[in-house]
Amino acid sequence: MPPCVLSSGFSRDCSDSLGGIEEILISERDNVSSFTEASHEITAITQAAATNFYRYELKKESGSLTSTSTVDQAAGTSFYDNVAAFTINKLSAAKSNEIKLLMLARLAVIVKTNNNKYFAIGFDQFAEGSSLIAQTGQAYGDPNQYQIEITDRSQYPAYEVQASVVSGLTIA
């Protein structure tokens, strides 16, 4: 492996960014036949025939994507825990049944941020459900919702995905 040589710096950005995610696209990882990555950006995704990504539209400020690096200097290892966390409102039997399947499957996940950028986890190593809380709340103003976390442990942080690649996917 070549030495880790820095190649550029960064100027201070304008303060025009938004946090959070708008929607999540999820499919079984086996439905992704292949993908092409260049400079940490996914430039092509090939889906298996007759498969879908499923769209989960989110309420404002109810989802996030976090990539956390863990480095062990003594062992010479590093990896990322990439977590898509989001809530779905209103408990129901239909939602419980679908979310149960979501928590057990091997997944490929694409999130759309509030900055209209797409990021993917579960492409190198499949992602899977890591936490689910279903709660009714107690007071009238409390949330009645599912809190879901999907985690991918990978050598890389979440990949950026070109918008043109997402527009070419079969999404239900």
N, C-alpha and C. Protein backbone atom coordinates (compact mmCIF):
# COMPACT_ATOMS: atom_id res chain seq x y z
N MET A 1 0.85 -1.17 0.00
CA MET A 1 0.00 0.00 0.00
C MET A 1 0.90 1.24 0.00
N PRO A 2 0.60 2.22 -0.86
CA PRO A 2 1.43 3.43 -0.89
C PRO A 2 1.25 4.23 0.40
N PRO A 3 2.23 5.07 0.72
CA PRO A 3 2.09 5.89 1.93
C PRO A 3 0.87 6.81 1.82
N CYS A 4 0.35 7.19 2.94
CA CYS A 4 -0.83 8.07 2.98
C CYS A 4 -0.35 9.51 2.81
N VAL A 5 -0.43 10.01 1.60
CA VAL A 5 0.06 11.34 1.27
C VAL A 5 -1.14 12.25 1.02
N LEU A 6 -1.20 13.36 1.72
CA LEU A 6 -2.28 14.33 1.49
C LEU A 6 -2.14 14.93 0.10
N SER A 7 -3.27 15.25 -0.52
CA SER A 7 -3.22 15.76 -1.89
C SER A 7 -3.87 17.12 -2.07
N SER A 8 -4.62 17.59 -1.07
CA SER A 8 -5.26 18.91 -1.22
C SER A 8 -5.72 19.41 0.14
N GLY A 9 -6.02 20.68 0.20
CA GLY A 9 -6.64 21.29 1.37
C GLY A 9 -8.05 21.72 0.98
N PHE A 10 -8.73 22.41 1.88
CA PHE A 10 -10.09 22.86 1.61
C PHE A 10 -10.24 24.30 2.04
N SER A 11 -10.92 25.08 1.23
CA SER A 11 -11.28 26.44 1.61
C SER A 11 -12.51 26.39 2.50
N ARG A 12 -12.73 27.45 3.23
CA ARG A 12 -13.93 27.54 4.07
C ARG A 12 -15.15 27.64 3.16
N ASP A 13 -16.16 26.79 3.41
CA ASP A 13 -17.39 26.80 2.63
C ASP A 13 -18.30 27.94 3.06
N CYS A 14 -19.26 28.26 2.18
CA CYS A 14 -20.35 29.16 2.56
C CYS A 14 -21.23 28.41 3.55
N SER A 15 -21.93 29.11 4.37
CA SER A 15 -22.83 28.47 5.34
C SER A 15 -24.22 28.32 4.73
N ASP A 16 -24.31 27.54 3.65
CA ASP A 16 -25.58 27.39 2.95
C ASP A 16 -26.06 25.94 2.89
N SER A 17 -25.57 25.09 3.77
CA SER A 17 -25.90 23.68 3.78
C SER A 17 -27.05 23.41 4.74
N LEU A 18 -27.79 22.34 4.49
CA LEU A 18 -28.86 21.89 5.38
C LEU A 18 -28.54 20.50 5.90
N GLY A 19 -28.92 20.22 7.13
CA GLY A 19 -28.76 18.88 7.68
C GLY A 19 -29.96 18.02 7.36
N GLY A 20 -29.83 16.73 7.61
CA GLY A 20 -30.96 15.80 7.50
C GLY A 20 -31.12 15.18 6.13
N ILE A 21 -32.05 14.24 6.08
CA ILE A 21 -32.36 13.55 4.83
C ILE A 21 -33.84 13.67 4.52
N GLU A 22 -34.14 13.65 3.24
CA GLU A 22 -35.50 13.81 2.73
C GLU A 22 -36.20 12.48 2.49
N GLU A 23 -35.43 11.53 1.94
CA GLU A 23 -36.00 10.22 1.64
C GLU A 23 -34.91 9.17 1.62
N ILE A 24 -35.35 7.91 1.73
CA ILE A 24 -34.45 6.77 1.70
C ILE A 24 -34.97 5.79 0.66
N LEU A 25 -34.06 5.27 -0.15
CA LEU A 25 -34.37 4.23 -1.12
C LEU A 25 -33.70 2.95 -0.65
N ILE A 26 -34.48 1.87 -0.54
CA ILE A 26 -33.95 0.62 0.01
C ILE A 26 -34.31 -0.55 -0.89
N SER A 27 -33.35 -1.43 -1.10
CA SER A 27 -33.57 -2.68 -1.82
C SER A 27 -32.76 -3.77 -1.14
N GLU A 28 -33.07 -5.02 -1.47
CA GLU A 28 -32.21 -6.10 -1.01
C GLU A 28 -30.88 -5.97 -1.74
N ARG A 29 -29.77 -6.23 -1.05
CA ARG A 29 -28.44 -6.09 -1.65
C ARG A 29 -28.28 -7.01 -2.85
N ASP A 30 -28.92 -8.18 -2.82
CA ASP A 30 -28.82 -9.12 -3.94
C ASP A 30 -29.47 -8.57 -5.21
N ASN A 31 -30.31 -7.55 -5.08
CA ASN A 31 -30.94 -6.93 -6.26
C ASN A 31 -30.00 -5.99 -7.00
N VAL A 32 -28.84 -5.70 -6.41
CA VAL A 32 -27.83 -4.87 -7.08
C VAL A 32 -26.83 -5.82 -7.71
N SER A 33 -26.91 -5.96 -9.03
CA SER A 33 -26.02 -6.88 -9.76
C SER A 33 -24.59 -6.38 -9.75
N SER A 34 -24.44 -5.06 -9.92
CA SER A 34 -23.11 -4.47 -9.92
C SER A 34 -23.23 -2.96 -9.72
N PHE A 35 -22.11 -2.36 -9.35
CA PHE A 35 -22.03 -0.91 -9.29
C PHE A 35 -20.63 -0.49 -9.65
N THR A 36 -20.53 0.74 -10.15
CA THR A 36 -19.23 1.28 -10.55
C THR A 36 -18.93 2.47 -9.66
N GLU A 37 -17.71 2.49 -9.12
CA GLU A 37 -17.29 3.57 -8.23
C GLU A 37 -16.01 4.18 -8.77
N ALA A 38 -15.95 5.51 -8.77
CA ALA A 38 -14.74 6.23 -9.17
C ALA A 38 -14.56 7.41 -8.24
N SER A 39 -13.40 7.51 -7.62
CA SER A 39 -13.10 8.62 -6.69
C SER A 39 -14.17 8.78 -5.61
N HIS A 40 -14.62 7.67 -5.09
CA HIS A 40 -15.60 7.58 -4.00
C HIS A 40 -16.99 8.09 -4.39
N GLU A 41 -17.32 7.97 -5.67
CA GLU A 41 -18.65 8.34 -6.15
C GLU A 41 -19.17 7.19 -7.00
N ILE A 42 -20.42 6.78 -6.75
CA ILE A 42 -21.04 5.72 -7.55
C ILE A 42 -21.54 6.35 -8.84
N THR A 43 -21.02 5.82 -9.96
CA THR A 43 -21.35 6.37 -11.28
C THR A 43 -22.28 5.46 -12.08
N ALA A 44 -22.55 4.25 -11.57
CA ALA A 44 -23.48 3.33 -12.24
C ALA A 44 -23.94 2.28 -11.24
N ILE A 45 -25.21 1.92 -11.34
CA ILE A 45 -25.79 0.81 -10.56
C ILE A 45 -26.59 -0.03 -11.53
N THR A 46 -26.35 -1.34 -11.52
CA THR A 46 -27.13 -2.27 -12.34
C THR A 46 -28.01 -3.08 -11.40
N GLN A 47 -29.32 -3.01 -11.62
CA GLN A 47 -30.27 -3.78 -10.83
C GLN A 47 -30.55 -5.11 -11.51
N ALA A 48 -30.78 -6.14 -10.72
CA ALA A 48 -31.24 -7.42 -11.25
C ALA A 48 -32.62 -7.20 -11.87
N ALA A 49 -32.97 -8.00 -12.87
CA ALA A 49 -34.24 -7.85 -13.57
C ALA A 49 -35.42 -7.96 -12.62
N ALA A 50 -36.43 -7.14 -12.86
CA ALA A 50 -37.70 -7.17 -12.14
C ALA A 50 -37.53 -6.94 -10.63
N THR A 51 -36.62 -6.06 -10.25
CA THR A 51 -36.45 -5.72 -8.84
C THR A 51 -36.66 -4.22 -8.66
N ASN A 52 -36.90 -3.82 -7.42
CA ASN A 52 -37.18 -2.43 -7.10
C ASN A 52 -36.33 -1.94 -5.95
N PHE A 53 -36.09 -0.65 -5.93
CA PHE A 53 -35.76 0.07 -4.71
C PHE A 53 -37.09 0.60 -4.21
N TYR A 54 -37.29 0.62 -2.90
CA TYR A 54 -38.53 1.13 -2.32
C TYR A 54 -38.26 2.47 -1.66
N ARG A 55 -39.15 3.43 -1.92
CA ARG A 55 -38.99 4.79 -1.43
C ARG A 55 -39.69 4.93 -0.07
N TYR A 56 -38.94 5.46 0.89
CA TYR A 56 -39.47 5.80 2.20
C TYR A 56 -39.36 7.32 2.32
N GLU A 57 -40.49 8.02 2.20
CA GLU A 57 -40.50 9.47 2.31
C GLU A 57 -40.56 9.83 3.79
N LEU A 58 -39.76 10.81 4.19
CA LEU A 58 -39.64 11.14 5.61
C LEU A 58 -40.22 12.51 5.91
N LYS A 59 -40.67 12.66 7.14
CA LYS A 59 -41.06 13.98 7.64
C LYS A 59 -39.80 14.81 7.82
N LYS A 60 -39.95 16.12 7.83
CA LYS A 60 -38.79 16.99 8.01
C LYS A 60 -38.08 16.68 9.33
N GLU A 61 -36.76 16.72 9.28
CA GLU A 61 -35.91 16.56 10.45
C GLU A 61 -36.13 15.25 11.19
N SER A 62 -36.37 14.17 10.43
CA SER A 62 -36.60 12.87 11.08
C SER A 62 -35.66 11.78 10.59
N GLY A 63 -34.56 12.16 9.92
CA GLY A 63 -33.63 11.15 9.45
C GLY A 63 -32.22 11.71 9.32
N SER A 64 -31.25 10.80 9.40
CA SER A 64 -29.85 11.20 9.28
C SER A 64 -29.03 10.05 8.72
N LEU A 65 -27.86 10.41 8.20
CA LEU A 65 -26.86 9.43 7.79
C LEU A 65 -25.56 9.83 8.47
N THR A 66 -24.96 8.88 9.18
CA THR A 66 -23.73 9.14 9.92
C THR A 66 -22.68 8.10 9.55
N SER A 67 -21.47 8.56 9.22
CA SER A 67 -20.34 7.67 8.99
C SER A 67 -19.30 7.94 10.07
N THR A 68 -19.02 6.93 10.88
CA THR A 68 -18.07 7.07 11.99
C THR A 68 -16.87 6.18 11.73
N SER A 69 -15.68 6.79 11.73
CA SER A 69 -14.44 6.07 11.49
C SER A 69 -13.89 5.53 12.81
N THR A 70 -13.42 4.29 12.77
CA THR A 70 -12.71 3.70 13.90
C THR A 70 -11.33 3.30 13.40
N VAL A 71 -10.30 3.82 14.06
CA VAL A 71 -8.92 3.54 13.67
C VAL A 71 -8.20 2.95 14.88
N ASP A 72 -7.56 1.82 14.69
CA ASP A 72 -6.72 1.21 15.72
C ASP A 72 -5.29 1.31 15.23
N GLN A 73 -4.56 2.29 15.76
CA GLN A 73 -3.18 2.53 15.31
C GLN A 73 -2.29 1.32 15.59
N ALA A 74 -2.47 0.68 16.74
CA ALA A 74 -1.62 -0.46 17.10
C ALA A 74 -1.83 -1.64 16.16
N ALA A 75 -3.10 -1.89 15.79
CA ALA A 75 -3.39 -3.00 14.90
C ALA A 75 -3.22 -2.62 13.43
N GLY A 76 -3.21 -1.32 13.14
CA GLY A 76 -3.09 -0.86 11.76
C GLY A 76 -4.36 -1.07 10.96
N THR A 77 -5.51 -0.99 11.63
CA THR A 77 -6.79 -1.21 10.97
C THR A 77 -7.66 0.03 11.05
N SER A 78 -8.58 0.13 10.10
CA SER A 78 -9.59 1.20 10.14
C SER A 78 -10.84 0.73 9.41
N PHE A 79 -11.98 1.20 9.86
CA PHE A 79 -13.26 0.87 9.22
C PHE A 79 -14.26 1.95 9.58
N TYR A 80 -15.41 1.92 8.91
CA TYR A 80 -16.48 2.88 9.14
C TYR A 80 -17.76 2.16 9.52
N ASP A 81 -18.46 2.72 10.50
CA ASP A 81 -19.83 2.34 10.78
C ASP A 81 -20.70 3.41 10.15
N ASN A 82 -21.46 3.02 9.12
CA ASN A 82 -22.35 3.93 8.40
C ASN A 82 -23.78 3.62 8.83
N VAL A 83 -24.47 4.60 9.38
CA VAL A 83 -25.80 4.37 9.95
C VAL A 83 -26.82 5.33 9.35
N ALA A 84 -27.85 4.76 8.74
CA ALA A 84 -29.01 5.53 8.31
C ALA A 84 -30.05 5.37 9.41
N ALA A 85 -30.43 6.49 10.03
CA ALA A 85 -31.42 6.48 11.12
C ALA A 85 -32.61 7.33 10.69
N PHE A 86 -33.81 6.80 10.88
CA PHE A 86 -35.00 7.54 10.46
C PHE A 86 -36.23 7.08 11.22
N THR A 87 -37.28 7.88 11.16
CA THR A 87 -38.53 7.53 11.82
C THR A 87 -39.65 7.45 10.79
N ILE A 88 -40.56 6.54 11.04
CA ILE A 88 -41.80 6.40 10.28
C ILE A 88 -42.93 6.56 11.28
N ASN A 89 -43.84 7.49 11.02
CA ASN A 89 -44.91 7.79 11.95
C ASN A 89 -46.08 6.82 11.84
N LYS A 90 -46.82 6.70 12.91
CA LYS A 90 -48.08 5.95 13.04
C LYS A 90 -47.88 4.44 12.96
N LEU A 91 -47.94 3.80 14.12
CA LEU A 91 -47.84 2.35 14.18
C LEU A 91 -49.04 1.71 13.48
N SER A 92 -48.78 0.61 12.76
CA SER A 92 -49.86 -0.16 12.13
C SER A 92 -49.35 -1.57 11.86
N ALA A 93 -50.28 -2.50 11.67
CA ALA A 93 -49.90 -3.89 11.37
C ALA A 93 -49.15 -3.95 10.06
N ALA A 94 -49.60 -3.25 9.02
CA ALA A 94 -48.94 -3.28 7.72
C ALA A 94 -47.51 -2.76 7.82
N LYS A 95 -47.32 -1.65 8.52
CA LYS A 95 -45.98 -1.10 8.67
C LYS A 95 -45.11 -2.02 9.51
N SER A 96 -45.65 -2.59 10.58
CA SER A 96 -44.89 -3.51 11.42
C SER A 96 -44.40 -4.71 10.62
N ASN A 97 -45.26 -5.26 9.78
CA ASN A 97 -44.88 -6.42 8.96
C ASN A 97 -43.76 -6.07 7.98
N GLU A 98 -43.87 -4.91 7.32
CA GLU A 98 -42.83 -4.51 6.36
C GLU A 98 -41.52 -4.18 7.06
N ILE A 99 -41.60 -3.48 8.18
CA ILE A 99 -40.39 -3.09 8.91
C ILE A 99 -39.69 -4.32 9.49
N LYS A 100 -40.44 -5.33 9.89
CA LYS A 100 -39.82 -6.58 10.36
C LYS A 100 -38.97 -7.18 9.25
N LEU A 101 -39.48 -7.22 8.02
CA LEU A 101 -38.70 -7.73 6.88
C LEU A 101 -37.48 -6.85 6.62
N LEU A 102 -37.67 -5.54 6.72
CA LEU A 102 -36.57 -4.59 6.52
C LEU A 102 -35.44 -4.85 7.51
N MET A 103 -35.78 -5.13 8.76
CA MET A 103 -34.78 -5.34 9.80
C MET A 103 -34.01 -6.65 9.61
N LEU A 104 -34.57 -7.62 8.91
CA LEU A 104 -33.94 -8.93 8.77
C LEU A 104 -33.18 -9.11 7.45
N ALA A 105 -33.42 -8.24 6.48
CA ALA A 105 -32.86 -8.40 5.14
C ALA A 105 -31.43 -7.87 5.06
N ARG A 106 -30.72 -8.28 4.02
CA ARG A 106 -29.42 -7.72 3.65
C ARG A 106 -29.72 -6.61 2.65
N LEU A 107 -29.31 -5.38 2.95
CA LEU A 107 -29.82 -4.22 2.24
C LEU A 107 -28.77 -3.41 1.51
N ALA A 108 -29.22 -2.71 0.47
CA ALA A 108 -28.51 -1.63 -0.19
C ALA A 108 -29.38 -0.39 0.03
N VAL A 109 -28.78 0.70 0.50
CA VAL A 109 -29.54 1.88 0.92
C VAL A 109 -28.96 3.12 0.25
N ILE A 110 -29.86 3.96 -0.27
CA ILE A 110 -29.47 5.26 -0.82
C ILE A 110 -30.30 6.32 -0.12
N VAL A 111 -29.64 7.34 0.43
CA VAL A 111 -30.37 8.43 1.08
C VAL A 111 -30.24 9.69 0.24
N LYS A 112 -31.31 10.46 0.21
CA LYS A 112 -31.30 11.77 -0.44
C LYS A 112 -31.27 12.81 0.67
N THR A 113 -30.24 13.64 0.67
CA THR A 113 -30.12 14.66 1.71
C THR A 113 -30.98 15.87 1.39
N ASN A 114 -31.12 16.73 2.37
CA ASN A 114 -31.84 17.98 2.15
C ASN A 114 -31.05 18.96 1.29
N ASN A 115 -29.83 18.59 0.92
CA ASN A 115 -29.03 19.37 -0.03
C ASN A 115 -29.12 18.78 -1.44
N ASN A 116 -30.10 17.88 -1.66
CA ASN A 116 -30.31 17.22 -2.95
C ASN A 116 -29.10 16.44 -3.43
N LYS A 117 -28.40 15.83 -2.50
CA LYS A 117 -27.30 14.92 -2.84
C LYS A 117 -27.69 13.53 -2.36
N TYR A 118 -27.15 12.53 -3.03
CA TYR A 118 -27.43 11.15 -2.70
C TYR A 118 -26.17 10.47 -2.16
N PHE A 119 -26.37 9.61 -1.14
CA PHE A 119 -25.27 8.85 -0.56
C PHE A 119 -25.76 7.42 -0.36
N ALA A 120 -24.82 6.46 -0.51
CA ALA A 120 -25.18 5.04 -0.45
C ALA A 120 -24.37 4.29 0.59
N ILE A 121 -25.03 3.35 1.26
CA ILE A 121 -24.38 2.39 2.14
C ILE A 121 -24.88 1.00 1.78
N GLY A 122 -24.11 0.00 2.15
CA GLY A 122 -24.53 -1.37 1.88
C GLY A 122 -24.16 -1.85 0.49
N PHE A 123 -23.27 -1.17 -0.17
CA PHE A 123 -22.87 -1.59 -1.51
C PHE A 123 -21.61 -2.46 -1.47
N ASP A 124 -20.60 -2.09 -0.68
CA ASP A 124 -19.42 -2.95 -0.52
C ASP A 124 -19.78 -4.16 0.34
N GLN A 125 -20.30 -3.88 1.49
CA GLN A 125 -20.79 -4.88 2.44
C GLN A 125 -22.26 -4.57 2.65
N PHE A 126 -23.12 -5.57 2.66
CA PHE A 126 -24.55 -5.28 2.82
C PHE A 126 -24.81 -4.55 4.14
N ALA A 127 -25.85 -3.75 4.15
CA ALA A 127 -26.32 -3.09 5.36
C ALA A 127 -27.43 -3.95 5.95
N GLU A 128 -27.68 -3.76 7.24
CA GLU A 128 -28.75 -4.52 7.89
C GLU A 128 -29.32 -3.73 9.05
N GLY A 129 -30.55 -4.09 9.42
CA GLY A 129 -31.18 -3.43 10.55
C GLY A 129 -30.38 -3.65 11.81
N SER A 130 -30.17 -2.58 12.57
CA SER A 130 -29.40 -2.69 13.81
C SER A 130 -30.19 -2.24 15.02
N SER A 131 -31.27 -1.48 14.82
CA SER A 131 -32.08 -1.03 15.95
C SER A 131 -33.48 -0.68 15.46
N LEU A 132 -34.47 -1.09 16.24
CA LEU A 132 -35.86 -0.74 15.95
C LEU A 132 -36.57 -0.48 17.27
N ILE A 133 -37.17 0.69 17.37
CA ILE A 133 -38.00 1.03 18.52
C ILE A 133 -39.37 1.43 17.97
N ALA A 134 -40.41 0.76 18.43
CA ALA A 134 -41.78 1.13 18.09
C ALA A 134 -42.39 1.67 19.38
N GLN A 135 -42.93 2.89 19.30
CA GLN A 135 -43.46 3.50 20.52
C GLN A 135 -44.78 4.22 20.25
N THR A 136 -45.68 4.10 21.21
CA THR A 136 -46.98 4.78 21.09
C THR A 136 -46.95 6.18 21.66
N GLY A 137 -45.98 6.46 22.53
CA GLY A 137 -45.99 7.71 23.25
C GLY A 137 -46.93 7.61 24.44
N GLN A 138 -46.90 8.62 25.29
CA GLN A 138 -47.76 8.62 26.47
C GLN A 138 -48.76 9.77 26.41
N ALA A 139 -48.26 10.98 26.21
CA ALA A 139 -49.13 12.16 26.14
C ALA A 139 -49.62 12.36 24.71
N TYR A 140 -50.64 13.16 24.53
CA TYR A 140 -51.19 13.41 23.20
C TYR A 140 -50.14 13.94 22.23
N GLY A 141 -49.21 14.71 22.69
CA GLY A 141 -48.20 15.31 21.83
C GLY A 141 -46.97 14.44 21.61
N ASP A 142 -46.92 13.27 22.22
CA ASP A 142 -45.77 12.38 22.06
C ASP A 142 -45.80 11.68 20.70
N PRO A 143 -44.63 11.26 20.23
CA PRO A 143 -44.59 10.58 18.93
C PRO A 143 -45.17 9.18 19.00
N ASN A 144 -45.86 8.80 17.95
CA ASN A 144 -46.36 7.45 17.71
C ASN A 144 -45.62 7.01 16.46
N GLN A 145 -44.55 6.21 16.64
CA GLN A 145 -43.64 6.02 15.52
C GLN A 145 -42.73 4.82 15.69
N TYR A 146 -42.07 4.50 14.56
CA TYR A 146 -40.98 3.54 14.53
C TYR A 146 -39.68 4.33 14.39
N GLN A 147 -38.69 4.02 15.20
CA GLN A 147 -37.36 4.59 15.05
C GLN A 147 -36.47 3.46 14.54
N ILE A 148 -35.90 3.65 13.35
CA ILE A 148 -35.19 2.59 12.65
C ILE A 148 -33.75 3.00 12.42
N GLU A 149 -32.83 2.06 12.63
CA GLU A 149 -31.43 2.27 12.26
C GLU A 149 -30.98 1.11 11.39
N ILE A 150 -30.34 1.45 10.28
CA ILE A 150 -29.77 0.47 9.37
C ILE A 150 -28.26 0.76 9.32
N THR A 151 -27.45 -0.28 9.55
CA THR A 151 -26.01 -0.10 9.69
C THR A 151 -25.25 -0.93 8.66
N ASP A 152 -24.19 -0.32 8.16
CA ASP A 152 -23.24 -1.00 7.27
C ASP A 152 -21.87 -0.78 7.88
N ARG A 153 -21.10 -1.81 8.05
CA ARG A 153 -19.71 -1.69 8.51
C ARG A 153 -18.85 -1.97 7.28
N SER A 154 -18.02 -0.98 6.94
CA SER A 154 -17.29 -1.05 5.68
C SER A 154 -15.91 -0.43 5.83
N GLN A 155 -15.07 -0.67 4.86
CA GLN A 155 -13.76 -0.04 4.81
C GLN A 155 -13.89 1.44 4.43
N TYR A 156 -15.07 1.85 3.93
CA TYR A 156 -15.26 3.19 3.40
C TYR A 156 -16.46 3.90 4.03
N PRO A 157 -16.42 5.24 4.08
CA PRO A 157 -17.62 5.98 4.47
C PRO A 157 -18.66 5.89 3.35
N ALA A 158 -19.85 6.42 3.58
CA ALA A 158 -20.92 6.39 2.58
C ALA A 158 -20.43 6.97 1.26
N TYR A 159 -20.77 6.30 0.16
CA TYR A 159 -20.42 6.78 -1.18
C TYR A 159 -21.39 7.87 -1.61
N GLU A 160 -20.92 8.88 -2.31
CA GLU A 160 -21.83 9.79 -2.99
C GLU A 160 -22.33 9.08 -4.25
N VAL A 161 -23.57 9.35 -4.64
CA VAL A 161 -24.17 8.72 -5.82
C VAL A 161 -24.63 9.83 -6.76
N GLN A 162 -24.28 9.73 -8.02
CA GLN A 162 -24.73 10.72 -8.99
C GLN A 162 -26.25 10.68 -9.11
N ALA A 163 -26.88 11.86 -9.18
CA ALA A 163 -28.34 11.94 -9.31
C ALA A 163 -28.83 11.22 -10.55
N SER A 164 -28.06 11.26 -11.63
CA SER A 164 -28.45 10.58 -12.87
C SER A 164 -28.52 9.07 -12.67
N VAL A 165 -27.70 8.53 -11.79
CA VAL A 165 -27.72 7.10 -11.50
C VAL A 165 -29.02 6.75 -10.77
N VAL A 166 -29.40 7.58 -9.81
CA VAL A 166 -30.65 7.34 -9.05
C VAL A 166 -31.85 7.43 -9.98
N SER A 167 -31.85 8.40 -10.89
CA SER A 167 -33.00 8.55 -11.79
C SER A 167 -33.14 7.36 -12.74
N GLY A 168 -32.09 6.57 -12.92
CA GLY A 168 -32.15 5.39 -13.76
C GLY A 168 -32.58 4.13 -13.04
N LEU A 169 -32.79 4.20 -11.73
CA LEU A 169 -33.20 3.02 -10.96
C LEU A 169 -34.70 2.78 -11.09
N THR A 170 -35.11 1.53 -10.89
CA THR A 170 -36.53 1.19 -10.81
C THR A 170 -36.94 1.36 -9.35
N ILE A 171 -37.80 2.37 -9.09
CA ILE A 171 -38.19 2.71 -7.73
C ILE A 171 -39.70 2.58 -7.60
N ALA A 172 -40.13 1.82 -6.59
CA ALA A 172 -41.57 1.64 -6.33
C ALA A 172 -42.01 2.54 -5.21
